[in-house]
């Protein structure tokens, strides 16, 4: 089975705002542990940028993925995380029945986000 990691993000109409997301995906591709588990890593945007999530899914499948693990790069649950993203994956499943689609939790659910927030606050007060 060939795994693909699909990072699903909202996107921004400001191109520079999306540069960090492309950097994150490149960093994931460069990590040996990620590359072993996910030989294919793609980013798909909900809106405002390309590739769209359906286009990124097509890229994963064109690269030979038989399993697509989609992770929402969102801080909070909301309409996109609860409704739009699962719907896009259900549509992809109907289009590609031989491919397995899995959706991970959004990143804001991780306790590491709280740790990062505390570290950023601490760093801001240290430099004041």
Protein backbone atom coordinates (compact mmCIF):
# COMPACT_ATOMS: atom_id res chain seq x y z
CA UNK A 1 0.00 0.00 0.00
CA UNK A 2 1.33 3.41 -0.93
CA UNK A 3 0.41 6.19 1.49
CA UNK A 4 -0.04 9.85 0.71
CA UNK A 5 -0.30 12.65 3.24
CA UNK A 6 -2.71 15.38 2.22
CA UNK A 7 -2.43 18.56 4.27
CA UNK A 8 -5.74 20.40 3.96
CA UNK A 9 -5.60 24.15 4.62
CA UNK A 10 -7.93 27.10 4.30
CA UNK A 11 -5.79 29.35 2.11
CA UNK A 12 -5.54 33.10 1.81
CA UNK A 13 -6.07 35.53 -1.05
CA UNK A 14 -2.72 37.05 -0.04
CA UNK A 15 -0.05 34.90 -1.75
CA UNK A 16 2.65 35.64 0.83
CA UNK A 17 0.34 34.25 3.53
CA UNK A 18 0.45 30.84 1.83
CA UNK A 19 4.24 30.67 1.59
CA UNK A 20 4.56 29.30 5.12
CA UNK A 21 2.21 26.45 4.25
CA UNK A 22 4.28 25.48 1.22
CA UNK A 23 7.39 25.58 3.46
CA UNK A 24 5.72 23.27 6.00
CA UNK A 25 4.91 20.77 3.24
CA UNK A 26 8.47 20.93 1.89
CA UNK A 27 9.80 20.36 5.42
CA UNK A 28 7.52 17.30 5.73
CA UNK A 29 8.78 15.94 2.42
CA UNK A 30 12.37 16.36 3.60
CA UNK A 31 11.90 14.47 6.88
CA UNK A 32 13.12 10.92 6.53
CA UNK A 33 10.53 9.52 8.96
CA UNK A 34 7.69 11.23 7.09
CA UNK A 35 9.09 10.26 3.69
CA UNK A 36 9.19 6.61 4.72
CA UNK A 37 5.60 6.62 5.99
CA UNK A 38 4.29 8.99 3.32
CA UNK A 39 6.21 8.92 0.06
CA UNK A 40 3.67 11.39 -1.34
CA UNK A 41 2.95 14.66 0.48
CA UNK A 42 0.58 17.23 -1.00
CA UNK A 43 -1.16 20.37 0.16
CA UNK A 44 -4.70 21.24 -0.86
CA UNK A 45 -6.45 24.55 -0.25
CA UNK A 46 -10.09 24.94 0.73
CA UNK A 47 -10.26 28.27 -1.06
CA UNK A 48 -8.24 31.22 -2.34
CA UNK A 49 -5.28 29.21 -3.65
CA UNK A 50 -4.19 26.24 -5.71
CA UNK A 51 -4.08 23.37 -5.75
CA UNK A 52 -7.57 22.88 -4.45
CA UNK A 53 -8.19 19.90 -2.19
CA UNK A 54 -9.75 17.86 -5.03
CA UNK A 55 -6.75 18.72 -7.26
CA UNK A 56 -4.34 17.67 -4.51
CA UNK A 57 -6.23 14.39 -4.11
CA UNK A 58 -5.83 13.78 -7.85
CA UNK A 59 -2.08 14.47 -7.52
CA UNK A 60 -1.84 11.90 -4.72
CA UNK A 61 -3.58 9.26 -6.79
CA UNK A 62 -1.58 10.11 -9.92
CA UNK A 63 1.57 9.56 -7.84
CA UNK A 64 0.35 6.04 -7.01
CA UNK A 65 -1.29 6.48 -3.61
CA UNK A 66 -3.70 3.76 -2.58
CA UNK A 67 -4.33 5.40 0.80
CA UNK A 68 -4.74 9.14 1.36
CA UNK A 69 -4.37 10.35 4.94
CA UNK A 70 -5.84 13.85 5.08
CA UNK A 71 -4.97 16.10 8.01
CA UNK A 72 -6.74 19.45 8.47
CA UNK A 73 -4.21 22.23 9.10
CA UNK A 74 -6.81 24.14 11.12
CA UNK A 75 -6.69 25.45 14.69
CA UNK A 76 -10.38 25.13 15.49
CA UNK A 77 -13.30 22.98 14.58
CA UNK A 78 -15.90 24.73 12.49
CA UNK A 79 -17.83 24.45 9.25
CA UNK A 80 -14.80 23.44 7.21
CA UNK A 81 -13.44 20.86 9.67
CA UNK A 82 -16.83 19.38 10.59
CA UNK A 83 -18.58 19.55 7.25
CA UNK A 84 -16.71 20.72 4.18
CA UNK A 85 -13.53 18.65 4.53
CA UNK A 86 -15.29 15.34 5.31
CA UNK A 87 -17.63 15.98 2.38
CA UNK A 88 -14.68 16.51 0.01
CA UNK A 89 -13.18 13.21 1.19
CA UNK A 90 -16.51 11.40 0.80
CA UNK A 91 -16.76 12.73 -2.76
CA UNK A 92 -13.20 11.54 -3.45
CA UNK A 93 -14.04 8.12 -2.00
CA UNK A 94 -17.01 7.85 -4.37
CA UNK A 95 -14.79 8.86 -7.29
CA UNK A 96 -11.91 6.56 -6.33
CA UNK A 97 -13.44 3.50 -4.60
CA UNK A 98 -10.17 1.53 -4.73
CA UNK A 99 -8.38 4.21 -2.66
CA UNK A 100 -8.70 4.38 1.13
CA UNK A 101 -9.31 7.86 2.56
CA UNK A 102 -8.66 8.63 6.21
CA UNK A 103 -9.03 11.96 8.02
CA UNK A 104 -6.90 12.86 11.02
CA UNK A 105 -7.75 15.36 13.74
CA UNK A 106 -7.19 19.05 13.11
CA UNK A 107 -3.92 20.33 14.56
CA UNK A 108 -5.54 22.72 17.03
CA UNK A 109 -6.70 19.70 19.02
CA UNK A 110 -3.12 18.84 19.94
CA UNK A 111 -1.79 19.79 23.39
CA UNK A 112 1.41 20.79 21.60
CA UNK A 113 -0.44 23.85 20.25
CA UNK A 114 -1.02 24.97 23.85
CA UNK A 115 2.67 24.46 24.59
CA UNK A 116 3.63 26.54 21.56
CA UNK A 117 1.22 29.30 22.60
CA UNK A 118 2.74 29.41 26.09
CA UNK A 119 6.28 29.44 24.65
CA UNK A 120 5.43 32.30 22.29
CA UNK A 121 3.96 34.33 25.17
CA UNK A 122 7.02 33.63 27.28
CA UNK A 123 9.33 34.66 24.45
CA UNK A 124 7.40 37.90 23.93
CA UNK A 125 7.75 38.88 27.59
CA UNK A 126 11.45 37.93 27.60
CA UNK A 127 12.18 40.31 24.74
CA UNK A 128 10.14 43.19 26.17
